Amino acid sequence: MEPKNSPYYLGNDDVLPTVLSLKHHSSVINIELPWDANMGDLIDAFVGACVSVTFHQDGVLKAMKEYVESYLPDEIYETQ
């Protein structure tokens, strides 16, 4: 990621930031990440957004685990 004092940290006219938005009932969470945010950054932001709109962190993580397990073949777990 870019350092915070970089003109590209959260983007600019040419390089826009990564934006994650979650609306749940009347709550709206908008999270701006640096333009070069990776998947770990996005997942952290998503979990934080879910918790911010009253989902329990353990429930979010359990649902994510079940989702991953339903989409990844079993062979992936056997090679680790």
PDB file of N, CA and C in Angstrom:
ATOM      1  N   MET A   1       0.823  -1.180   0.000  1.00  0.00           N
ATOM      2  CA  MET A   1       0.000   0.000   0.000  1.00  0.00           C
ATOM      3  C   MET A   1       0.871   1.248   0.000  1.00  0.00           C
ATOM      4  N   GLU A   2       0.293   2.277  -0.506  1.00  0.00           N
ATOM      5  CA  GLU A   2       0.983   3.569  -0.520  1.00  0.00           C
ATOM      6  C   GLU A   2       1.094   4.115   0.899  1.00  0.00           C
ATOM      7  N   PRO A   3       2.152   4.849   1.207  1.00  0.00           N
ATOM      8  CA  PRO A   3       2.223   5.516   2.512  1.00  0.00           C
ATOM      9  C   PRO A   3       1.143   6.600   2.602  1.00  0.00           C
ATOM     10  N   LYS A   4       0.727   6.923   3.815  1.00  0.00           N
ATOM     11  CA  LYS A   4      -0.369   7.873   4.002  1.00  0.00           C
ATOM     12  C   LYS A   4      -0.076   9.264   3.447  1.00  0.00           C
ATOM     13  N   ASN A   5       1.185   9.635   3.319  1.00  0.00           N
ATOM     14  CA  ASN A   5       1.505  10.968   2.801  1.00  0.00           C
ATOM     15  C   ASN A   5       1.604  10.984   1.269  1.00  0.00           C
ATOM     16  N   SER A   6       1.359   9.846   0.627  1.00  0.00           N
ATOM     17  CA  SER A   6       1.397   9.779  -0.831  1.00  0.00           C
ATOM     18  C   SER A   6       0.122  10.390  -1.421  1.00  0.00           C
ATOM     19  N   PRO A   7       0.217  11.097  -2.547  1.00  0.00           N
ATOM     20  CA  PRO A   7      -0.991  11.649  -3.182  1.00  0.00           C
ATOM     21  C   PRO A   7      -1.909  10.562  -3.720  1.00  0.00           C
ATOM     22  N   TYR A   8      -1.437   9.315  -3.765  1.00  0.00           N
ATOM     23  CA  TYR A   8      -2.257   8.215  -4.260  1.00  0.00           C
ATOM     24  C   TYR A   8      -2.863   7.370  -3.141  1.00  0.00           C
ATOM     25  N   TYR A   9      -2.629   7.738  -1.889  1.00  0.00           N
ATOM     26  CA  TYR A   9      -3.046   6.892  -0.768  1.00  0.00           C
ATOM     27  C   TYR A   9      -4.518   6.498  -0.865  1.00  0.00           C
ATOM     28  N   LEU A  10      -5.413   7.465  -0.923  1.00  0.00           N
ATOM     29  CA  LEU A  10      -6.834   7.156  -1.087  1.00  0.00           C
ATOM     30  C   LEU A  10      -7.305   7.506  -2.492  1.00  0.00           C
ATOM     31  N   GLY A  11      -6.377   7.594  -3.408  1.00  0.00           N
ATOM     32  CA  GLY A  11      -6.754   7.884  -4.778  1.00  0.00           C
ATOM     33  C   GLY A  11      -6.703   9.367  -5.070  1.00  0.00           C
ATOM     34  N   ASN A  12      -6.924   9.685  -6.325  1.00  0.00           N
ATOM     35  CA  ASN A  12      -7.024  11.070  -6.783  1.00  0.00           C
ATOM     36  C   ASN A  12      -7.872  11.056  -8.045  1.00  0.00           C
ATOM     37  N   ASP A  13      -7.835  12.094  -8.859  1.00  0.00           N
ATOM     38  CA  ASP A  13      -8.684  12.135 -10.054  1.00  0.00           C
ATOM     39  C   ASP A  13      -8.381  11.008 -11.031  1.00  0.00           C
ATOM     40  N   ASP A  14      -7.135  10.556 -11.058  1.00  0.00           N
ATOM     41  CA  ASP A  14      -6.749   9.499 -11.992  1.00  0.00           C
ATOM     42  C   ASP A  14      -6.795   8.101 -11.382  1.00  0.00           C
ATOM     43  N   VAL A  15      -6.556   8.013 -10.091  1.00  0.00           N
ATOM     44  CA  VAL A  15      -6.519   6.732  -9.397  1.00  0.00           C
ATOM     45  C   VAL A  15      -7.498   6.831  -8.229  1.00  0.00           C
ATOM     46  N   LEU A  16      -8.692   6.264  -8.411  1.00  0.00           N
ATOM     47  CA  LEU A  16      -9.737   6.390  -7.392  1.00  0.00           C
ATOM     48  C   LEU A  16      -9.544   5.367  -6.271  1.00  0.00           C
ATOM     49  N   PRO A  17     -10.060   5.665  -5.068  1.00  0.00           N
ATOM     50  CA  PRO A  17      -9.949   4.711  -3.967  1.00  0.00           C
ATOM     51  C   PRO A  17     -10.872   3.513  -4.202  1.00  0.00           C
ATOM     52  N   THR A  18     -10.635   2.465  -3.465  1.00  0.00           N
ATOM     53  CA  THR A  18     -11.545   1.322  -3.434  1.00  0.00           C
ATOM     54  C   THR A  18     -12.626   1.656  -2.414  1.00  0.00           C
ATOM     55  N   VAL A  19     -13.887   1.496  -2.799  1.00  0.00           N
ATOM     56  CA  VAL A  19     -14.995   1.855  -1.914  1.00  0.00           C
ATOM     57  C   VAL A  19     -15.867   0.629  -1.674  1.00  0.00           C
ATOM     58  N   LEU A  20     -16.128   0.351  -0.402  1.00  0.00           N
ATOM     59  CA  LEU A  20     -17.029  -0.730  -0.013  1.00  0.00           C
ATOM     60  C   LEU A  20     -18.216  -0.084   0.678  1.00  0.00           C
ATOM     61  N   SER A  21     -19.422  -0.423   0.240  1.00  0.00           N
ATOM     62  CA  SER A  21     -20.625   0.163   0.814  1.00  0.00           C
ATOM     63  C   SER A  21     -21.576  -0.954   1.210  1.00  0.00           C
ATOM     64  N   LEU A  22     -22.127  -0.858   2.414  1.00  0.00           N
ATOM     65  CA  LEU A  22     -23.071  -1.856   2.911  1.00  0.00           C
ATOM     66  C   LEU A  22     -24.273  -1.130   3.498  1.00  0.00           C
ATOM     67  N   LYS A  23     -25.459  -1.474   3.022  1.00  0.00           N
ATOM     68  CA  LYS A  23     -26.695  -0.895   3.556  1.00  0.00           C
ATOM     69  C   LYS A  23     -27.515  -2.026   4.158  1.00  0.00           C
ATOM     70  N   HIS A  24     -27.919  -1.844   5.399  1.00  0.00           N
ATOM     71  CA  HIS A  24     -28.703  -2.843   6.124  1.00  0.00           C
ATOM     72  C   HIS A  24     -29.752  -2.111   6.932  1.00  0.00           C
ATOM     73  N   HIS A  25     -31.000  -2.300   6.594  1.00  0.00           N
ATOM     74  CA  HIS A  25     -32.110  -1.542   7.176  1.00  0.00           C
ATOM     75  C   HIS A  25     -31.834  -0.053   6.984  1.00  0.00           C
ATOM     76  N   SER A  26     -31.749   0.696   8.040  1.00  0.00           N
ATOM     77  CA  SER A  26     -31.517   2.141   7.891  1.00  0.00           C
ATOM     78  C   SER A  26     -30.046   2.524   8.055  1.00  0.00           C
ATOM     79  N   SER A  27     -29.189   1.552   8.261  1.00  0.00           N
ATOM     80  CA  SER A  27     -27.762   1.833   8.424  1.00  0.00           C
ATOM     81  C   SER A  27     -27.044   1.736   7.080  1.00  0.00           C
ATOM     82  N   VAL A  28     -26.172   2.702   6.826  1.00  0.00           N
ATOM     83  CA  VAL A  28     -25.337   2.674   5.630  1.00  0.00           C
ATOM     84  C   VAL A  28     -23.891   2.862   6.071  1.00  0.00           C
ATOM     85  N   ILE A  29     -23.052   1.923   5.670  1.00  0.00           N
ATOM     86  CA  ILE A  29     -21.634   1.989   5.993  1.00  0.00           C
ATOM     87  C   ILE A  29     -20.867   2.141   4.686  1.00  0.00           C
ATOM     88  N   ASN A  30     -20.069   3.189   4.580  1.00  0.00           N
ATOM     89  CA  ASN A  30     -19.203   3.400   3.426  1.00  0.00           C
ATOM     90  C   ASN A  30     -17.762   3.388   3.919  1.00  0.00           C
ATOM     91  N   ILE A  31     -16.961   2.529   3.322  1.00  0.00           N
ATOM     92  CA  ILE A  31     -15.567   2.421   3.720  1.00  0.00           C
ATOM     93  C   ILE A  31     -14.703   2.700   2.500  1.00  0.00           C
ATOM     94  N   GLU A  32     -13.806   3.669   2.618  1.00  0.00           N
ATOM     95  CA  GLU A  32     -12.855   3.962   1.549  1.00  0.00           C
ATOM     96  C   GLU A  32     -11.507   3.385   1.933  1.00  0.00           C
ATOM     97  N   LEU A  33     -10.963   2.619   1.003  1.00  0.00           N
ATOM     98  CA  LEU A  33      -9.661   1.997   1.190  1.00  0.00           C
ATOM     99  C   LEU A  33      -8.697   2.549   0.155  1.00  0.00           C
ATOM    100  N   PRO A  34      -7.410   2.434   0.408  1.00  0.00           N
ATOM    101  CA  PRO A  34      -6.450   2.856  -0.610  1.00  0.00           C
ATOM    102  C   PRO A  34      -6.728   2.147  -1.936  1.00  0.00           C
ATOM    103  N   TRP A  35      -6.378   2.774  -3.010  1.00  0.00           N
ATOM    104  CA  TRP A  35      -6.654   2.234  -4.340  1.00  0.00           C
ATOM    105  C   TRP A  35      -6.021   0.870  -4.565  1.00  0.00           C
ATOM    106  N   ASP A  36      -4.965   0.558  -3.840  1.00  0.00           N
ATOM    107  CA  ASP A  36      -4.284  -0.721  -4.031  1.00  0.00           C
ATOM    108  C   ASP A  36      -4.602  -1.724  -2.922  1.00  0.00           C
ATOM    109  N   ALA A  37      -5.768  -1.593  -2.306  1.00  0.00           N
ATOM    110  CA  ALA A  37      -6.167  -2.522  -1.248  1.00  0.00           C
ATOM    111  C   ALA A  37      -6.194  -3.948  -1.800  1.00  0.00           C
ATOM    112  N   ASN A  38      -5.781  -4.896  -0.977  1.00  0.00           N
ATOM    113  CA  ASN A  38      -5.791  -6.300  -1.406  1.00  0.00           C
ATOM    114  C   ASN A  38      -7.016  -7.017  -0.842  1.00  0.00           C
ATOM    115  N   MET A  39      -7.158  -8.297  -1.155  1.00  0.00           N
ATOM    116  CA  MET A  39      -8.324  -9.051  -0.696  1.00  0.00           C
ATOM    117  C   MET A  39      -8.411  -9.107   0.826  1.00  0.00           C
ATOM    118  N   GLY A  40      -7.287  -9.210   1.498  1.00  0.00           N
ATOM    119  CA  GLY A  40      -7.310  -9.209   2.963  1.00  0.00           C
ATOM    120  C   GLY A  40      -7.884  -7.913   3.507  1.00  0.00           C
ATOM    121  N   ASP A  41      -7.491  -6.796   2.901  1.00  0.00           N
ATOM    122  CA  ASP A  41      -8.023  -5.488   3.305  1.00  0.00           C
ATOM    123  C   ASP A  41      -9.535  -5.427   3.092  1.00  0.00           C
ATOM    124  N   LEU A  42      -9.992  -5.932   1.933  1.00  0.00           N
ATOM    125  CA  LEU A  42     -11.426  -5.907   1.630  1.00  0.00           C
ATOM    126  C   LEU A  42     -12.216  -6.805   2.574  1.00  0.00           C
ATOM    127  N   ILE A  43     -11.674  -7.979   2.875  1.00  0.00           N
ATOM    128  CA  ILE A  43     -12.370  -8.884   3.793  1.00  0.00           C
ATOM    129  C   ILE A  43     -12.444  -8.277   5.184  1.00  0.00           C
ATOM    130  N   ASP A  44     -11.346  -7.689   5.661  1.00  0.00           N
ATOM    131  CA  ASP A  44     -11.359  -7.012   6.962  1.00  0.00           C
ATOM    132  C   ASP A  44     -12.410  -5.907   6.984  1.00  0.00           C
ATOM    133  N   ALA A  45     -12.476  -5.128   5.908  1.00  0.00           N
ATOM    134  CA  ALA A  45     -13.444  -4.029   5.826  1.00  0.00           C
ATOM    135  C   ALA A  45     -14.869  -4.574   5.805  1.00  0.00           C
ATOM    136  N   PHE A  46     -15.097  -5.655   5.062  1.00  0.00           N
ATOM    137  CA  PHE A  46     -16.432  -6.250   4.994  1.00  0.00           C
ATOM    138  C   PHE A  46     -16.877  -6.766   6.359  1.00  0.00           C
ATOM    139  N   VAL A  47     -16.000  -7.486   7.042  1.00  0.00           N
ATOM    140  CA  VAL A  47     -16.339  -7.994   8.380  1.00  0.00           C
ATOM    141  C   VAL A  47     -16.629  -6.824   9.313  1.00  0.00           C
ATOM    142  N   GLY A  48     -15.798  -5.794   9.271  1.00  0.00           N
ATOM    143  CA  GLY A  48     -16.028  -4.611  10.109  1.00  0.00           C
ATOM    144  C   GLY A  48     -17.349  -3.931   9.792  1.00  0.00           C
ATOM    145  N   ALA A  49     -17.687  -3.842   8.508  1.00  0.00           N
ATOM    146  CA  ALA A  49     -18.961  -3.229   8.111  1.00  0.00           C
ATOM    147  C   ALA A  49     -20.135  -4.054   8.627  1.00  0.00           C
ATOM    148  N   CYS A  50     -20.032  -5.366   8.523  1.00  0.00           N
ATOM    149  CA  CYS A  50     -21.107  -6.241   9.012  1.00  0.00           C
ATOM    150  C   CYS A  50     -21.305  -6.077  10.522  1.00  0.00           C
ATOM    151  N   VAL A  51     -20.200  -6.024  11.242  1.00  0.00           N
ATOM    152  CA  VAL A  51     -20.281  -5.831  12.696  1.00  0.00           C
ATOM    153  C   VAL A  51     -20.887  -4.457  13.006  1.00  0.00           C
ATOM    154  N   SER A  52     -20.556  -3.461  12.191  1.00  0.00           N
ATOM    155  CA  SER A  52     -21.079  -2.104  12.406  1.00  0.00           C
ATOM    156  C   SER A  52     -22.593  -2.015  12.245  1.00  0.00           C
ATOM    157  N   VAL A  53     -23.162  -2.920  11.446  1.00  0.00           N
ATOM    158  CA  VAL A  53     -24.622  -2.903  11.276  1.00  0.00           C
ATOM    159  C   VAL A  53     -25.283  -3.997  12.099  1.00  0.00           C
ATOM    160  N   THR A  54     -24.640  -4.430  13.159  1.00  0.00           N
ATOM    161  CA  THR A  54     -25.139  -5.303  14.229  1.00  0.00           C
ATOM    162  C   THR A  54     -25.003  -6.805  14.018  1.00  0.00           C
ATOM    163  N   PHE A  55     -24.333  -7.266  12.956  1.00  0.00           N
ATOM    164  CA  PHE A  55     -24.045  -8.696  12.874  1.00  0.00           C
ATOM    165  C   PHE A  55     -22.941  -9.019  13.875  1.00  0.00           C
ATOM    166  N   HIS A  56     -22.988 -10.211  14.440  1.00  0.00           N
ATOM    167  CA  HIS A  56     -21.953 -10.631  15.378  1.00  0.00           C
ATOM    168  C   HIS A  56     -20.760 -11.154  14.587  1.00  0.00           C
ATOM    169  N   GLN A  57     -19.556 -10.775  15.000  1.00  0.00           N
ATOM    170  CA  GLN A  57     -18.351 -11.153  14.263  1.00  0.00           C
ATOM    171  C   GLN A  57     -18.237 -12.667  14.098  1.00  0.00           C
ATOM    172  N   ASP A  58     -18.527 -13.436  15.134  1.00  0.00           N
ATOM    173  CA  ASP A  58     -18.433 -14.895  15.022  1.00  0.00           C
ATOM    174  C   ASP A  58     -19.398 -15.434  13.969  1.00  0.00           C
ATOM    175  N   GLY A  59     -20.597 -14.861  13.903  1.00  0.00           N
ATOM    176  CA  GLY A  59     -21.576 -15.286  12.900  1.00  0.00           C
ATOM    177  C   GLY A  59     -21.126 -14.963  11.489  1.00  0.00           C
ATOM    178  N   VAL A  60     -20.525 -13.793  11.305  1.00  0.00           N
ATOM    179  CA  VAL A  60     -20.016 -13.393   9.991  1.00  0.00           C
ATOM    180  C   VAL A  60     -18.904 -14.345   9.563  1.00  0.00           C
ATOM    181  N   LEU A  61     -17.963 -14.609  10.464  1.00  0.00           N
ATOM    182  CA  LEU A  61     -16.841 -15.486  10.129  1.00  0.00           C
ATOM    183  C   LEU A  61     -17.299 -16.922   9.871  1.00  0.00           C
ATOM    184  N   LYS A  62     -18.261 -17.401  10.631  1.00  0.00           N
ATOM    185  CA  LYS A  62     -18.790 -18.746  10.407  1.00  0.00           C
ATOM    186  C   LYS A  62     -19.455 -18.831   9.036  1.00  0.00           C
ATOM    187  N   ALA A  63     -20.235 -17.828   8.678  1.00  0.00           N
ATOM    188  CA  ALA A  63     -20.889 -17.808   7.367  1.00  0.00           C
ATOM    189  C   ALA A  63     -19.850 -17.758   6.247  1.00  0.00           C
ATOM    190  N   MET A  64     -18.780 -16.986   6.444  1.00  0.00           N
ATOM    191  CA  MET A  64     -17.720 -16.924   5.437  1.00  0.00           C
ATOM    192  C   MET A  64     -17.030 -18.278   5.290  1.00  0.00           C
ATOM    193  N   LYS A  65     -16.790 -18.954   6.403  1.00  0.00           N
ATOM    194  CA  LYS A  65     -16.159 -20.272   6.370  1.00  0.00           C
ATOM    195  C   LYS A  65     -17.045 -21.259   5.619  1.00  0.00           C
ATOM    196  N   GLU A  66     -18.345 -21.262   5.914  1.00  0.00           N
ATOM    197  CA  GLU A  66     -19.275 -22.159   5.227  1.00  0.00           C
ATOM    198  C   GLU A  66     -19.330 -21.848   3.733  1.00  0.00           C
ATOM    199  N   TYR A  67     -19.286 -20.585   3.389  1.00  0.00           N
ATOM    200  CA  TYR A  67     -19.297 -20.175   1.992  1.00  0.00           C
ATOM    201  C   TYR A  67     -18.066 -20.706   1.264  1.00  0.00           C
ATOM    202  N   VAL A  68     -16.914 -20.504   1.862  1.00  0.00           N
ATOM    203  CA  VAL A  68     -15.656 -20.959   1.254  1.00  0.00           C
ATOM    204  C   VAL A  68     -15.673 -22.475   1.103  1.00  0.00           C
ATOM    205  N   GLU A  69     -16.077 -23.172   2.136  1.00  0.00           N
ATOM    206  CA  GLU A  69     -16.079 -24.634   2.080  1.00  0.00           C
ATOM    207  C   GLU A  69     -17.039 -25.165   1.017  1.00  0.00           C
ATOM    208  N   SER A  70     -18.103 -24.434   0.732  1.00  0.00           N
ATOM    209  CA  SER A  70     -19.059 -24.903  -0.276  1.00  0.00           C
ATOM    210  C   SER A  70     -18.557 -24.656  -1.700  1.00  0.00           C
ATOM    211  N   TYR A  71     -17.601 -23.766  -1.875  1.00  0.00           N
ATOM    212  CA  TYR A  71     -17.115 -23.426  -3.210  1.00  0.00           C
ATOM    213  C   TYR A  71     -15.741 -24.002  -3.540  1.00  0.00           C
ATOM    214  N   LEU A  72     -14.943 -24.297  -2.535  1.00  0.00           N
ATOM    215  CA  LEU A  72     -13.608 -24.838  -2.799  1.00  0.00           C
ATOM    216  C   LEU A  72     -13.648 -26.358  -2.764  1.00  0.00           C
ATOM    217  N   PRO A  73     -12.969 -26.986  -3.701  1.00  0.00           N
ATOM    218  CA  PRO A  73     -12.931 -28.455  -3.678  1.00  0.00           C
ATOM    219  C   PRO A  73     -12.142 -28.966  -2.472  1.00  0.00           C
ATOM    220  N   ASP A  74     -12.499 -30.140  -2.012  1.00  0.00           N
ATOM    221  CA  ASP A  74     -11.847 -30.735  -0.843  1.00  0.00           C
ATOM    222  C   ASP A  74     -10.349 -30.920  -1.043  1.00  0.00           C
ATOM    223  N   GLU A  75      -9.903 -31.114  -2.288  1.00  0.00           N
ATOM    224  CA  GLU A  75      -8.496 -31.353  -2.549  1.00  0.00           C
ATOM    225  C   GLU A  75      -7.619 -30.197  -2.079  1.00  0.00           C
ATOM    226  N   ILE A  76      -8.161 -28.993  -2.078  1.00  0.00           N
ATOM    227  CA  ILE A  76      -7.372 -27.829  -1.662  1.00  0.00           C
ATOM    228  C   ILE A  76      -6.968 -27.964  -0.203  1.00  0.00           C
ATOM    229  N   TYR A  77      -7.863 -28.468   0.636  1.00  0.00           N
ATOM    230  CA  TYR A  77      -7.557 -28.622   2.054  1.00  0.00           C
ATOM    231  C   TYR A  77      -6.563 -29.755   2.295  1.00  0.00           C
ATOM    232  N   GLU A  78      -6.581 -30.756   1.435  1.00  0.00           N
ATOM    233  CA  GLU A  78      -5.696 -31.905   1.613  1.00  0.00           C
ATOM    234  C   GLU A  78      -4.232 -31.590   1.307  1.00  0.00           C
ATOM    235  N   THR A  79      -3.979 -30.545   0.499  1.00  0.00           N
ATOM    236  CA  THR A  79      -2.600 -30.220   0.114  1.00  0.00           C
ATOM    237  C   THR A  79      -1.918 -29.318   1.126  1.00  0.00           C
ATOM    238  N   GLN A  80      -2.613 -28.825   2.092  1.00  0.00           N
ATOM    239  CA  GLN A  80      -2.005 -27.893   3.038  1.00  0.00           C
ATOM    240  C   GLN A  80      -1.440 -28.592   4.239  1.00  0.00           C
TER     241      GLN A  80
END
